[in-house]
N, C-alpha and C. Protein backbone atom coordinates (compact mmCIF):
# COMPACT_ATOMS: atom_id res chain seq x y z
N MET A 1 -19.62 1.88 14.58
CA MET A 1 -20.29 1.65 13.33
C MET A 1 -18.96 1.71 12.20
N PHE A 2 -19.39 1.00 11.20
CA PHE A 2 -18.16 1.04 10.14
C PHE A 2 -18.68 2.31 8.87
N THR A 3 -17.76 3.75 9.31
CA THR A 3 -18.49 4.44 8.59
C THR A 3 -17.31 4.67 7.49
N ARG A 4 -17.39 5.55 6.12
CA ARG A 4 -16.77 6.11 5.26
C ARG A 4 -15.13 6.41 5.69
N LEU A 5 -15.59 7.17 7.10
CA LEU A 5 -14.12 7.65 7.53
C LEU A 5 -13.35 6.26 7.84
N ALA A 6 -13.96 5.53 8.04
CA ALA A 6 -13.29 4.29 8.54
C ALA A 6 -12.62 3.45 7.32
N ALA A 7 -13.70 3.67 6.28
CA ALA A 7 -12.90 2.87 5.30
C ALA A 7 -11.63 3.71 4.36
N GLY A 8 -11.78 5.17 4.63
CA GLY A 8 -10.41 5.80 4.17
C GLY A 8 -9.38 5.55 5.07
N VAL A 9 -9.43 5.62 6.25
CA VAL A 9 -8.38 5.17 7.27
C VAL A 9 -8.03 3.79 6.74
N LEU A 10 -8.76 2.71 6.57
CA LEU A 10 -8.34 1.49 6.33
C LEU A 10 -7.78 1.32 4.96
N ALA A 11 -8.09 2.16 4.11
CA ALA A 11 -7.15 2.20 2.82
C ALA A 11 -5.75 3.01 2.99
N GLY A 12 -6.06 3.95 3.75
CA GLY A 12 -4.76 4.55 4.16
C GLY A 12 -3.45 3.70 4.60
N ALA A 13 -4.18 3.10 5.64
CA ALA A 13 -3.28 2.01 6.16
C ALA A 13 -2.85 1.10 5.94
N THR A 14 -3.34 0.77 4.59
CA THR A 14 -2.99 -0.17 3.45
C THR A 14 -1.81 0.34 2.73
N LEU A 15 -1.69 1.34 2.38
CA LEU A 15 -0.45 1.99 1.72
C LEU A 15 0.38 2.12 2.68
N THR A 16 0.08 2.69 4.03
CA THR A 16 1.36 2.72 4.92
C THR A 16 1.96 1.45 4.74
N ALA A 17 1.19 0.43 5.24
CA ALA A 17 2.05 -1.04 5.32
C ALA A 17 3.01 -0.95 4.39
N LEU A 18 2.62 -0.65 3.02
CA LEU A 18 3.70 -0.68 1.59
C LEU A 18 4.72 0.40 1.93
N ALA A 19 4.67 1.23 3.26
CA ALA A 19 5.22 2.30 3.11
C ALA A 19 5.92 3.11 1.59
N LEU A 20 4.44 3.34 1.29
CA LEU A 20 4.55 4.33 0.07
C LEU A 20 3.50 5.09 0.37
N PRO A 21 3.83 6.72 -0.35
CA PRO A 21 2.97 7.44 -0.17
C PRO A 21 1.53 7.04 -1.01
N ALA A 22 0.39 7.95 -0.47
CA ALA A 22 -0.80 7.59 -1.03
C ALA A 22 -1.03 7.64 -2.67
N GLU A 23 0.00 8.74 -3.18
CA GLU A 23 -0.43 9.25 -4.43
C GLU A 23 0.43 8.29 -5.26
N ALA A 24 1.16 7.30 -4.56
CA ALA A 24 2.11 6.50 -5.60
C ALA A 24 1.19 5.62 -6.26
N ARG A 25 1.61 5.30 -7.65
CA ARG A 25 0.95 4.22 -8.36
C ARG A 25 2.32 3.76 -9.28
N THR A 26 2.26 2.30 -9.32
CA THR A 26 2.83 1.84 -10.55
C THR A 26 2.79 2.27 -11.78
N LYS A 27 3.98 2.32 -12.76
CA LYS A 27 3.70 2.68 -14.24
C LYS A 27 4.13 1.24 -14.85
N ARG A 28 4.35 0.05 -14.16
CA ARG A 28 4.07 -1.15 -14.62
C ARG A 28 3.67 -2.12 -14.00
N PRO A 29 2.16 -2.28 -14.33
CA PRO A 29 1.36 -2.93 -13.66
C PRO A 29 1.39 -4.43 -13.88
N VAL A 30 1.98 -4.83 -15.15
CA VAL A 30 2.36 -6.37 -15.48
C VAL A 30 3.33 -6.76 -15.89
N ARG A 31 3.94 -7.41 -15.15
CA ARG A 31 5.72 -7.59 -15.58
C ARG A 31 5.43 -8.98 -15.75
N TRP A 32 5.44 -9.91 -17.31
CA TRP A 32 5.05 -11.30 -17.26
C TRP A 32 6.56 -11.89 -17.12
N ASN A 33 6.69 -12.62 -16.09
CA ASN A 33 7.71 -13.36 -15.56
C ASN A 33 7.72 -14.76 -16.05
N THR A 34 8.23 -15.40 -17.14
CA THR A 34 8.51 -16.35 -17.59
C THR A 34 9.55 -17.06 -17.49
N GLY A 35 10.08 -17.86 -16.69
CA GLY A 35 11.35 -18.55 -16.29
C GLY A 35 12.24 -17.44 -16.15
N GLY A 36 13.23 -17.12 -16.61
CA GLY A 36 14.06 -16.18 -16.20
C GLY A 36 14.08 -14.66 -16.97
N ALA A 37 13.19 -14.73 -18.09
CA ALA A 37 12.56 -13.69 -18.64
C ALA A 37 11.63 -12.98 -17.99
N VAL A 38 11.65 -11.65 -18.17
CA VAL A 38 10.50 -10.52 -17.69
C VAL A 38 10.20 -9.81 -18.98
N TRP A 39 9.16 -9.67 -19.48
CA TRP A 39 8.31 -8.81 -20.55
C TRP A 39 7.40 -7.87 -19.48
N THR A 40 7.54 -6.56 -19.71
CA THR A 40 6.75 -5.52 -18.96
C THR A 40 5.89 -4.85 -19.97
N THR A 41 4.71 -4.54 -19.41
CA THR A 41 3.67 -3.87 -20.27
C THR A 41 3.37 -2.69 -19.32
N THR A 42 3.57 -1.73 -19.67
CA THR A 42 3.41 -0.19 -18.83
C THR A 42 1.88 -0.01 -18.96
N SER A 43 1.89 1.29 -17.68
CA SER A 43 0.58 1.64 -17.48
C SER A 43 0.08 2.09 -19.32
N SER A 44 0.92 2.98 -19.46
CA SER A 44 0.48 3.63 -20.70
C SER A 44 0.30 3.03 -21.76
N GLU A 45 0.77 1.79 -21.99
CA GLU A 45 0.55 0.85 -23.15
C GLU A 45 -1.00 0.19 -22.76
N PHE A 46 -1.28 0.03 -21.77
CA PHE A 46 -2.61 -0.56 -21.14
C PHE A 46 -3.75 0.81 -21.47
N LYS A 47 -3.28 1.81 -21.11
CA LYS A 47 -4.47 2.64 -21.38
C LYS A 47 -4.75 3.38 -22.94
N THR A 48 -3.73 3.17 -23.70
CA THR A 48 -3.79 2.87 -25.48
C THR A 48 -4.25 1.96 -25.53
N PHE A 49 -4.23 0.86 -25.38
CA PHE A 49 -5.38 -0.20 -25.79
C PHE A 49 -6.71 -0.27 -25.11
N LEU A 50 -6.84 0.10 -23.90
CA LEU A 50 -8.19 0.42 -23.35
C LEU A 50 -9.02 1.65 -23.83
N THR A 51 -8.32 2.56 -24.25
CA THR A 51 -9.01 3.60 -25.15
C THR A 51 -9.26 3.39 -26.14
N THR A 52 -8.10 3.08 -26.82
CA THR A 52 -8.29 2.89 -28.43
C THR A 52 -8.56 1.62 -28.61
N GLY A 53 -8.16 0.70 -28.15
CA GLY A 53 -8.08 -0.52 -28.46
C GLY A 53 -7.16 -0.99 -29.52
N GLU A 54 -6.08 0.01 -29.67
CA GLU A 54 -4.67 -0.57 -30.40
C GLU A 54 -3.83 -1.12 -29.10
N ILE A 55 -2.95 -2.48 -29.85
CA ILE A 55 -2.16 -2.76 -29.02
C ILE A 55 -0.67 -2.50 -29.51
N THR A 56 0.29 -1.51 -28.69
CA THR A 56 1.32 -1.42 -28.91
C THR A 56 2.52 -2.08 -28.25
N ASP A 57 2.10 -3.19 -27.53
CA ASP A 57 3.01 -3.98 -26.82
C ASP A 57 2.86 -5.42 -27.10
N ARG A 58 4.38 -6.10 -27.38
CA ARG A 58 4.31 -7.56 -27.92
C ARG A 58 3.74 -8.29 -26.57
N ALA A 59 4.28 -8.21 -25.39
CA ALA A 59 3.79 -9.04 -24.51
C ALA A 59 2.38 -8.98 -24.08
N LEU A 60 1.60 -7.35 -24.43
CA LEU A 60 -0.08 -7.54 -23.94
C LEU A 60 -0.52 -7.88 -25.21
N LEU A 61 -0.21 -7.97 -26.19
CA LEU A 61 -0.62 -8.96 -27.49
C LEU A 61 -0.55 -10.46 -27.37
N ALA A 62 0.35 -10.84 -26.80
CA ALA A 62 0.30 -12.26 -25.85
C ALA A 62 -0.73 -12.40 -25.33
N GLY A 63 -0.64 -11.65 -24.15
CA GLY A 63 -1.58 -11.76 -23.03
C GLY A 63 -3.22 -11.87 -23.47
N VAL A 64 -3.23 -10.51 -24.50
CA VAL A 64 -5.02 -11.04 -24.86
C VAL A 64 -5.08 -11.84 -25.85
N ASN A 65 -3.83 -12.74 -26.64
CA ASN A 65 -4.14 -13.80 -27.47
C ASN A 65 -4.47 -15.30 -26.65
N SER A 66 -3.68 -14.89 -25.66
CA SER A 66 -3.91 -16.12 -24.78
C SER A 66 -4.66 -16.12 -23.80
N SER A 67 -5.75 -15.24 -23.66
CA SER A 67 -6.96 -14.89 -22.93
C SER A 67 -8.20 -15.45 -22.73
N GLY A 68 -8.26 -16.11 -23.74
CA GLY A 68 -9.70 -16.67 -24.22
C GLY A 68 -10.98 -15.69 -24.75
N TRP A 69 -10.25 -14.44 -24.88
CA TRP A 69 -11.08 -13.44 -25.47
C TRP A 69 -10.75 -12.78 -26.46
N THR A 70 -11.68 -12.13 -27.56
CA THR A 70 -10.95 -11.28 -28.20
C THR A 70 -10.64 -10.12 -27.80
N SER A 71 -9.76 -9.44 -28.55
CA SER A 71 -9.41 -8.23 -27.98
C SER A 71 -10.37 -6.95 -27.44
N GLU A 72 -11.50 -6.87 -28.42
CA GLU A 72 -12.72 -6.17 -28.40
C GLU A 72 -13.52 -6.60 -26.78
N GLU A 73 -13.24 -7.77 -26.57
CA GLU A 73 -14.19 -8.24 -25.45
C GLU A 73 -12.98 -8.18 -24.15
N ILE A 74 -11.90 -8.04 -24.54
CA ILE A 74 -10.77 -7.73 -23.22
C ILE A 74 -11.37 -6.09 -23.03
N GLN A 75 -10.90 -5.32 -23.93
CA GLN A 75 -11.19 -3.87 -24.02
C GLN A 75 -12.48 -3.46 -23.01
N GLU A 76 -13.71 -4.06 -23.45
CA GLU A 76 -14.88 -4.02 -23.13
C GLU A 76 -14.99 -4.10 -21.59
N GLY A 77 -14.56 -5.75 -21.31
CA GLY A 77 -14.71 -6.18 -20.11
C GLY A 77 -13.75 -4.88 -19.14
N MET A 78 -12.60 -4.58 -19.44
CA MET A 78 -11.74 -4.30 -18.58
C MET A 78 -12.43 -2.56 -17.96
N THR A 79 -12.92 -1.98 -18.97
CA THR A 79 -13.59 -0.61 -18.75
C THR A 79 -14.69 -0.86 -18.52
N LYS A 80 -15.46 -1.72 -18.33
CA LYS A 80 -17.21 -1.92 -18.00
C LYS A 80 -16.98 -0.97 -16.33
N THR A 81 -17.72 -0.33 -15.81
CA THR A 81 -17.97 -0.35 -14.22
C THR A 81 -18.81 -0.67 -13.56
N TYR A 82 -18.53 -0.92 -12.31
CA TYR A 82 -19.80 -1.49 -11.34
C TYR A 82 -19.89 -0.78 -10.15
N SER A 83 -21.33 -0.71 -10.09
CA SER A 83 -21.58 0.33 -8.74
C SER A 83 -21.28 -0.39 -7.49
N VAL A 84 -20.76 0.36 -6.70
CA VAL A 84 -20.28 -0.12 -5.24
C VAL A 84 -20.49 0.71 -4.31
N ASP A 85 -19.96 0.44 -2.88
CA ASP A 85 -19.95 1.31 -1.87
C ASP A 85 -18.77 0.99 -1.31
N VAL A 86 -17.91 1.86 -1.17
CA VAL A 86 -16.24 2.02 -0.37
C VAL A 86 -16.82 1.39 0.84
N VAL A 87 -17.93 1.59 1.69
CA VAL A 87 -17.76 0.93 2.89
C VAL A 87 -18.01 -0.58 2.75
N GLY A 88 -19.00 -0.92 2.14
CA GLY A 88 -18.93 -2.44 1.79
C GLY A 88 -17.70 -3.09 1.30
N VAL A 89 -17.13 -2.24 0.61
CA VAL A 89 -15.91 -3.06 -0.41
C VAL A 89 -14.92 -3.22 0.82
N SER A 90 -14.54 -1.99 1.78
CA SER A 90 -14.01 -2.19 2.42
C SER A 90 -14.15 -3.14 3.72
N ARG A 91 -15.41 -3.33 3.97
CA ARG A 91 -15.62 -4.16 5.43
C ARG A 91 -15.18 -5.62 4.75
N PHE A 92 -15.69 -5.60 3.14
CA PHE A 92 -15.43 -7.57 2.90
C PHE A 92 -14.01 -7.47 2.87
N LEU A 93 -13.25 -6.69 2.44
CA LEU A 93 -11.81 -6.97 1.95
C LEU A 93 -11.27 -7.39 3.32
N TYR A 94 -11.23 -6.44 4.45
CA TYR A 94 -10.65 -6.80 5.49
C TYR A 94 -11.27 -7.83 6.31
N SER A 95 -12.31 -8.42 6.01
CA SER A 95 -13.09 -9.52 6.89
C SER A 95 -12.12 -10.68 6.27
N SER A 96 -12.24 -11.96 7.04
CA SER A 96 -11.67 -13.00 7.27
C SER A 96 -12.07 -13.85 5.95
N ASP A 97 -13.13 -13.65 5.35
CA ASP A 97 -13.55 -14.21 4.14
C ASP A 97 -12.77 -13.17 2.83
N GLY A 98 -12.59 -11.89 3.02
CA GLY A 98 -11.90 -11.26 1.94
C GLY A 98 -10.47 -11.39 1.91
N VAL A 99 -9.88 -11.33 3.13
CA VAL A 99 -8.44 -11.90 3.32
C VAL A 99 -8.44 -13.19 2.39
N LYS A 100 -9.15 -14.26 2.85
CA LYS A 100 -9.10 -15.50 1.94
C LYS A 100 -9.09 -14.91 0.34
N PHE A 101 -10.50 -14.46 0.02
CA PHE A 101 -10.50 -14.00 -1.31
C PHE A 101 -9.42 -13.44 -1.76
N LEU A 102 -8.48 -12.47 -1.31
CA LEU A 102 -7.40 -11.87 -1.86
C LEU A 102 -6.07 -12.69 -2.30
N LYS A 103 -5.98 -13.53 -1.26
CA LYS A 103 -4.88 -14.62 -1.37
C LYS A 103 -5.20 -15.42 -2.40
N ASP A 104 -6.67 -15.95 -2.68
CA ASP A 104 -6.95 -16.78 -3.76
C ASP A 104 -6.45 -15.92 -5.15
N GLN A 105 -7.14 -14.74 -4.92
CA GLN A 105 -6.98 -14.25 -6.19
C GLN A 105 -5.55 -13.51 -6.47
N THR A 106 -4.37 -13.63 -5.58
CA THR A 106 -3.11 -13.81 -6.02
C THR A 106 -2.22 -14.66 -6.27
N ARG A 107 -2.98 -15.58 -6.42
CA ARG A 107 -2.16 -17.01 -7.01
C ARG A 107 -0.71 -16.94 -7.60
N SER A 108 -0.84 -16.11 -8.85
CA SER A 108 0.62 -16.17 -9.38
C SER A 108 0.73 -14.64 -10.15
N TYR A 109 -0.15 -13.80 -9.48
CA TYR A 109 0.07 -12.56 -9.90
C TYR A 109 -0.11 -11.48 -8.30
N PHE A 110 1.11 -10.86 -8.25
CA PHE A 110 1.50 -10.08 -7.08
C PHE A 110 2.68 -9.19 -7.21
N PRO A 111 2.66 -8.43 -6.05
CA PRO A 111 4.04 -7.25 -6.38
C PRO A 111 5.47 -8.22 -6.77
N TYR A 112 6.09 -7.45 -7.55
CA TYR A 112 7.23 -7.75 -8.29
C TYR A 112 8.60 -8.16 -7.23
N TRP A 113 8.40 -7.36 -6.29
CA TRP A 113 9.52 -7.17 -5.10
C TRP A 113 9.17 -8.26 -4.15
N LYS A 114 8.27 -7.71 -3.36
CA LYS A 114 7.75 -8.37 -1.88
C LYS A 114 7.10 -9.65 -2.58
N MET A 115 6.56 -10.12 -3.48
CA MET A 115 5.74 -11.08 -3.96
C MET A 115 4.56 -11.44 -3.01
N LYS A 116 4.71 -12.39 -2.66
CA LYS A 116 3.00 -12.95 -1.92
C LYS A 116 3.16 -12.08 -0.17
N SER A 117 4.37 -11.86 0.31
CA SER A 117 4.27 -11.01 1.53
C SER A 117 3.32 -9.58 1.58
N THR A 118 3.28 -8.84 0.48
CA THR A 118 2.42 -7.78 0.50
C THR A 118 1.30 -7.99 -0.61
N ALA A 119 1.01 -9.11 -1.17
CA ALA A 119 0.16 -9.21 -1.97
C ALA A 119 -1.11 -8.78 -1.84
N VAL A 120 -1.60 -9.09 -0.53
CA VAL A 120 -2.95 -9.00 0.31
C VAL A 120 -3.05 -7.72 0.34
N VAL A 121 -2.22 -6.86 0.52
CA VAL A 121 -2.25 -5.64 0.99
C VAL A 121 -2.26 -4.66 -0.27
N ALA A 122 -1.33 -4.85 -1.12
CA ALA A 122 -1.45 -4.16 -2.63
C ALA A 122 -2.70 -4.41 -3.28
N LEU A 123 -3.17 -5.52 -3.55
CA LEU A 123 -4.29 -5.43 -4.42
C LEU A 123 -5.71 -5.08 -3.52
N ARG A 124 -5.56 -5.05 -2.21
CA ARG A 124 -6.89 -4.57 -1.50
C ARG A 124 -6.94 -3.12 -1.39
N SER A 125 -5.90 -2.65 -1.34
CA SER A 125 -5.41 -0.92 -1.65
C SER A 125 -5.87 -0.56 -2.57
N ALA A 126 -5.46 -1.16 -3.94
CA ALA A 126 -5.84 -0.80 -5.13
C ALA A 126 -7.51 -0.88 -5.63
N ILE A 127 -8.06 -2.08 -4.86
CA ILE A 127 -9.48 -2.09 -5.16
C ILE A 127 -10.52 -0.90 -4.43
N ILE A 128 -10.02 -0.71 -3.06
CA ILE A 128 -10.69 0.05 -2.02
C ILE A 128 -10.00 1.67 -2.40
N LEU A 129 -9.51 1.80 -3.02
CA LEU A 129 -9.32 3.16 -3.74
C LEU A 129 -9.97 3.39 -5.21
N ASP A 130 -9.90 2.38 -5.79
CA ASP A 130 -11.01 2.71 -6.84
C ASP A 130 -12.35 2.75 -6.37
N SER A 131 -12.89 2.33 -5.34
CA SER A 131 -14.30 2.32 -4.89
C SER A 131 -14.56 3.64 -4.22
N VAL A 132 -13.72 4.63 -4.15
CA VAL A 132 -14.01 5.55 -3.52
C VAL A 132 -15.05 6.41 -4.09
N ASP A 133 -14.92 6.30 -5.49
CA ASP A 133 -16.10 7.34 -5.80
C ASP A 133 -17.39 6.24 -6.25
N GLY A 134 -17.56 5.27 -5.97
CA GLY A 134 -18.59 4.27 -5.85
C GLY A 134 -18.46 3.66 -7.34
N LYS A 135 -17.78 3.56 -8.03
CA LYS A 135 -17.64 3.05 -9.44
C LYS A 135 -16.14 1.97 -9.09
N LEU A 136 -16.36 1.12 -9.87
CA LEU A 136 -15.35 -0.11 -9.51
C LEU A 136 -15.13 -0.92 -11.11
N SER A 137 -13.88 -0.86 -11.65
CA SER A 137 -13.49 -1.51 -12.85
C SER A 137 -12.07 -2.32 -12.99
N SER A 138 -11.92 -3.02 -14.21
CA SER A 138 -10.78 -3.55 -14.12
C SER A 138 -9.64 -2.61 -14.26
N ALA A 139 -9.88 -1.60 -15.33
CA ALA A 139 -8.92 -0.75 -15.51
C ALA A 139 -8.47 0.32 -14.44
N GLY A 140 -9.45 0.60 -13.31
CA GLY A 140 -9.29 1.31 -12.12
C GLY A 140 -8.77 0.72 -11.45
N ILE A 141 -8.64 -0.64 -10.92
CA ILE A 141 -7.99 -1.42 -10.23
C ILE A 141 -6.53 -1.35 -10.40
N MET A 142 -6.28 -1.66 -11.72
CA MET A 142 -4.86 -1.81 -12.35
C MET A 142 -4.34 -0.11 -12.12
N SER A 143 -4.84 0.78 -12.42
CA SER A 143 -4.41 2.04 -12.67
C SER A 143 -3.94 2.53 -10.90
N PHE A 144 -4.62 1.97 -9.82
CA PHE A 144 -4.18 2.23 -8.48
C PHE A 144 -3.56 1.06 -7.64
N LEU A 145 -2.89 0.42 -8.33
CA LEU A 145 -1.62 -0.74 -8.13
C LEU A 145 -0.48 -0.01 -7.38
N PRO A 146 -0.27 -0.05 -6.30
CA PRO A 146 0.84 0.65 -5.84
C PRO A 146 2.29 0.59 -5.97
N VAL A 147 2.57 -0.78 -6.60
CA VAL A 147 3.76 -1.09 -6.56
C VAL A 147 3.40 -2.00 -8.19
N ASP A 148 4.90 -2.48 -8.58
CA ASP A 148 4.89 -3.34 -9.76
C ASP A 148 4.22 -4.63 -9.81
N PHE A 149 3.40 -5.37 -10.21
CA PHE A 149 2.95 -6.43 -10.06
C PHE A 149 3.73 -7.61 -11.37
N ARG A 150 3.88 -8.68 -10.77
CA ARG A 150 4.27 -9.53 -11.72
C ARG A 150 3.36 -10.81 -12.20
N LEU A 151 3.48 -11.38 -13.12
CA LEU A 151 2.30 -12.87 -13.43
C LEU A 151 3.74 -13.65 -13.51
N ALA A 152 3.57 -14.62 -12.46
CA ALA A 152 4.91 -15.40 -12.50
C ALA A 152 4.89 -16.67 -12.76
N ASP A 153 5.38 -17.22 -13.78
CA ASP A 153 5.05 -18.38 -14.33
C ASP A 153 6.84 -19.19 -14.12
N THR A 154 7.24 -19.58 -13.21
CA THR A 154 8.81 -20.16 -12.76
C THR A 154 8.83 -21.65 -12.80
N CYS A 155 7.95 -22.13 -13.28
CA CYS A 155 7.84 -23.89 -13.50
C CYS A 155 7.78 -24.35 -12.18
N SER A 156 8.64 -24.64 -11.02
CA SER A 156 8.86 -25.13 -9.81
C SER A 156 8.02 -24.68 -8.87
N THR A 157 7.98 -23.25 -8.81
CA THR A 157 7.33 -22.45 -7.95
C THR A 157 6.12 -22.12 -8.39
N TYR A 158 5.61 -21.07 -9.43
CA TYR A 158 4.30 -20.49 -9.69
C TYR A 158 4.43 -20.95 -11.19
N ASP A 159 3.19 -20.87 -11.71
CA ASP A 159 2.37 -21.63 -12.87
C ASP A 159 2.10 -20.69 -13.78
N GLY A 160 1.39 -19.32 -13.40
CA GLY A 160 1.18 -18.37 -14.37
C GLY A 160 -0.19 -18.30 -14.08
N VAL A 161 -0.85 -19.47 -13.38
CA VAL A 161 -2.17 -19.61 -13.70
C VAL A 161 -2.92 -18.44 -12.52
N GLN A 162 -4.10 -17.65 -12.87
CA GLN A 162 -4.71 -16.96 -11.94
C GLN A 162 -6.10 -17.78 -11.70
N ASN A 163 -6.37 -17.77 -10.39
CA ASN A 163 -7.83 -18.25 -10.23
C ASN A 163 -8.94 -17.08 -10.33
N VAL A 164 -9.56 -17.33 -11.93
CA VAL A 164 -11.00 -16.20 -11.62
C VAL A 164 -11.81 -16.65 -11.10
N CYS A 165 -12.27 -15.49 -10.34
CA CYS A 165 -13.22 -15.50 -9.20
C CYS A 165 -14.63 -16.14 -9.51
N ALA A 166 -14.79 -16.69 -10.90
CA ALA A 166 -16.38 -16.63 -11.39
C ALA A 166 -16.20 -18.10 -12.10
N PRO A 167 -15.45 -19.17 -11.78
CA PRO A 167 -15.23 -20.34 -12.66
C PRO A 167 -16.29 -20.97 -13.31
N ASP A 168 -17.80 -20.67 -12.78
CA ASP A 168 -18.93 -20.71 -13.44
C ASP A 168 -19.45 -19.93 -14.60
N LYS A 169 -18.50 -19.13 -15.13
CA LYS A 169 -18.89 -17.84 -15.95
C LYS A 169 -18.11 -18.32 -17.13
N CYS A 170 -16.62 -18.69 -16.59
CA CYS A 170 -15.93 -18.68 -17.72
C CYS A 170 -15.98 -19.91 -18.77
N GLU A 171 -15.39 -19.99 -19.70
CA GLU A 171 -15.29 -21.33 -20.67
C GLU A 171 -13.86 -21.46 -21.20
N GLY A 172 -13.20 -22.62 -20.90
CA GLY A 172 -12.05 -23.04 -21.57
C GLY A 172 -11.01 -22.72 -20.15
N ASP A 173 -10.02 -23.17 -20.42
CA ASP A 173 -8.66 -23.15 -19.30
C ASP A 173 -8.46 -21.54 -19.90
N ALA A 174 -8.43 -21.08 -20.95
CA ALA A 174 -7.60 -19.46 -21.18
C ALA A 174 -8.58 -18.54 -20.54
N GLN A 175 -9.81 -18.68 -20.61
CA GLN A 175 -10.87 -17.62 -20.08
C GLN A 175 -10.88 -17.79 -18.17
N CYS A 176 -10.67 -19.43 -17.71
CA CYS A 176 -10.65 -19.42 -16.57
C CYS A 176 -9.40 -19.47 -15.52
N THR A 177 -8.08 -19.04 -16.20
CA THR A 177 -6.98 -19.18 -15.84
C THR A 177 -5.62 -17.76 -16.22
N SER A 178 -6.65 -16.97 -17.54
CA SER A 178 -5.59 -16.09 -17.84
C SER A 178 -5.58 -14.59 -16.90
N LEU A 179 -4.61 -13.85 -16.86
CA LEU A 179 -4.58 -12.90 -16.37
C LEU A 179 -5.61 -12.09 -16.96
N LEU A 180 -5.60 -11.67 -18.03
CA LEU A 180 -6.30 -10.41 -18.35
C LEU A 180 -8.19 -10.85 -18.15
N SER A 181 -8.26 -12.39 -18.32
CA SER A 181 -9.64 -12.80 -17.95
C SER A 181 -10.09 -12.59 -16.70
N TRP A 182 -8.92 -13.16 -15.62
CA TRP A 182 -8.94 -12.67 -14.19
C TRP A 182 -9.27 -11.33 -14.09
N TYR A 183 -8.73 -10.27 -14.87
CA TYR A 183 -9.05 -8.74 -14.57
C TYR A 183 -10.54 -8.43 -14.84
N VAL A 184 -10.72 -9.03 -15.78
CA VAL A 184 -12.31 -8.77 -16.67
C VAL A 184 -13.44 -9.16 -15.25
N PHE A 185 -13.14 -10.46 -14.82
CA PHE A 185 -13.99 -10.57 -13.64
C PHE A 185 -14.04 -10.30 -12.22
N LEU A 186 -12.83 -9.51 -12.06
CA LEU A 186 -12.71 -8.91 -10.21
C LEU A 186 -13.40 -8.18 -10.02
N PRO A 187 -14.22 -6.95 -10.86
CA PRO A 187 -14.47 -6.42 -10.00
C PRO A 187 -15.99 -6.75 -9.93
N ALA A 188 -16.89 -7.50 -10.81
CA ALA A 188 -18.06 -8.18 -10.47
C ALA A 188 -17.90 -9.10 -9.37
N CYS A 189 -17.13 -9.70 -9.12
CA CYS A 189 -17.02 -10.82 -7.84
C CYS A 189 -16.57 -9.62 -6.74
N VAL A 190 -16.16 -8.41 -6.59
CA VAL A 190 -15.89 -7.63 -5.45
C VAL A 190 -17.27 -7.17 -5.32
N GLN A 191 -18.00 -6.82 -6.24
CA GLN A 191 -19.20 -6.01 -6.12
C GLN A 191 -20.23 -7.14 -5.47
N ALA A 192 -20.29 -8.06 -5.87
CA ALA A 192 -21.24 -9.31 -5.34
C ALA A 192 -20.82 -9.44 -4.17
N ASN A 193 -20.08 -9.55 -3.68
CA ASN A 193 -19.24 -9.86 -2.05
C ASN A 193 -19.42 -8.65 -1.19
N SER A 194 -19.68 -7.12 -1.56
CA SER A 194 -19.78 -6.29 -0.84
C SER A 194 -20.89 -5.63 -0.72
N GLN A 195 -21.86 -6.07 -1.37
CA GLN A 195 -23.08 -5.59 -0.58
C GLN A 195 -23.65 -5.51 0.75
N LEU A 196 -24.18 -4.30 0.79
CA LEU A 196 -24.26 -3.63 2.11
C LEU A 196 -25.88 -4.12 2.34
N PRO A 197 -26.69 -4.76 3.66
CA PRO A 197 -27.58 -5.17 3.76
C PRO A 197 -28.61 -3.71 3.77
N ALA A 198 -29.81 -4.07 3.17
CA ALA A 198 -30.87 -3.15 2.95
C ALA A 198 -30.87 -2.35 4.12
N GLU A 199 -31.22 -1.10 4.03
CA GLU A 199 -31.76 -0.29 5.31
C GLU A 199 -32.99 -0.55 5.52
N PRO A 200 -33.72 -0.73 6.94
CA PRO A 200 -34.61 -1.26 7.16
C PRO A 200 -35.78 -0.02 7.11
N THR A 201 -37.16 -0.55 6.58
CA THR A 201 -37.79 0.34 6.37
C THR A 201 -38.91 0.77 7.51
N ARG A 202 -39.09 1.80 7.41
CA ARG A 202 -39.67 2.55 8.86
C ARG A 202 -41.11 2.55 8.73
N SER A 203 -41.81 1.90 9.36
CA SER A 203 -43.28 2.45 9.07
C SER A 203 -43.72 3.88 9.81
N VAL A 204 -44.71 4.33 9.47
CA VAL A 204 -45.00 5.67 9.97
C VAL A 204 -46.48 5.49 10.81
N ALA A 205 -46.27 5.92 12.04
CA ALA A 205 -47.30 5.83 12.93
C ALA A 205 -48.34 6.45 12.25
N PRO A 206 -49.90 6.26 12.06
CA PRO A 206 -50.78 6.97 11.83
C PRO A 206 -50.70 8.11 12.74
N ALA A 207 -51.19 9.59 11.99
CA ALA A 207 -51.53 10.73 13.10
C ALA A 207 -52.69 10.33 13.82
N PRO A 208 -52.45 10.61 15.17
CA PRO A 208 -53.48 10.20 16.05
C PRO A 208 -54.90 11.21 15.74
N ALA A 209 -56.21 10.42 16.15
CA ALA A 209 -57.25 11.11 15.76
C ALA A 209 -57.61 12.34 16.63
N ARG A 210 -58.28 13.02 15.97
CA ARG A 210 -58.54 14.75 16.47
C ARG A 210 -59.80 14.53 17.19
N PRO A 211 -59.64 14.91 18.42
CA PRO A 211 -60.96 14.48 19.14
C PRO A 211 -61.78 15.69 18.71
N LEU A 212 -63.19 15.27 18.95
CA LEU A 212 -64.29 16.06 18.47
C LEU A 212 -64.64 17.21 19.40
N TRP A 213 -63.95 17.29 20.59
CA TRP A 213 -64.35 18.26 21.20
C TRP A 213 -63.33 19.27 21.62
C-alpha cells in the first residue's frame, strides 16, 4: 500500500539522486538564458514581488511584461494555494504518466548545470516537498527547487517556450508559452492529476432484532 511514509521516502530519494542534502534550496530559481547572456532573478527578489507586488529586478520585470498577465495577476496566481494529498501527488509524479508530464513541463526550464538529465527529478522533488503540508502553490514549488533553474532560449537548441499545462485555459501566445504563466497553472494541474479515489462508503448492518423471550 502506498503510504505517507513511502511518499516521504520517494521525496528523499529524489533529492538523493541530485546528490544534495534535503535542506538545500537554490537562491537562484530563474536564470533567464538568452543566447549567450544570462540574467538572474533571485529567490529574495521573487519573495519581494510575491509579498508586496514590488518588482526590484529588471529580468523579472521583463518576465512579467512578457507573461500575458498583469503583475497583480501573476502575484495572485503564484501565491494561490491548492489542497493536495502528498500521497496522491507522489503516486502521480512517479507514474509513467507523471514522468511524461514532468518531461513535458520542463521543455525549456530545467536545472542550469545538469539541464535535461535531472529536470524530472528536480521539479518532482520541489512539487512533492511543497505538498507535504497538504498545500501546493507556484511560490512554494519555486522555493523548494533544489538547484538553479534556467529558462533557455538558445536559438538552435531551446526556444524559451514552456508548455503551459492547461492550454484550454490560457489565451494568446504569451499566456500559453511564458515561464510565469506556466508557474501560475502548474499547481492546479498537479492537483487535478493527483486526486485520490474516494474511500468506499461502508453500509452499517442493522442491529439484530431482540427476541421476545
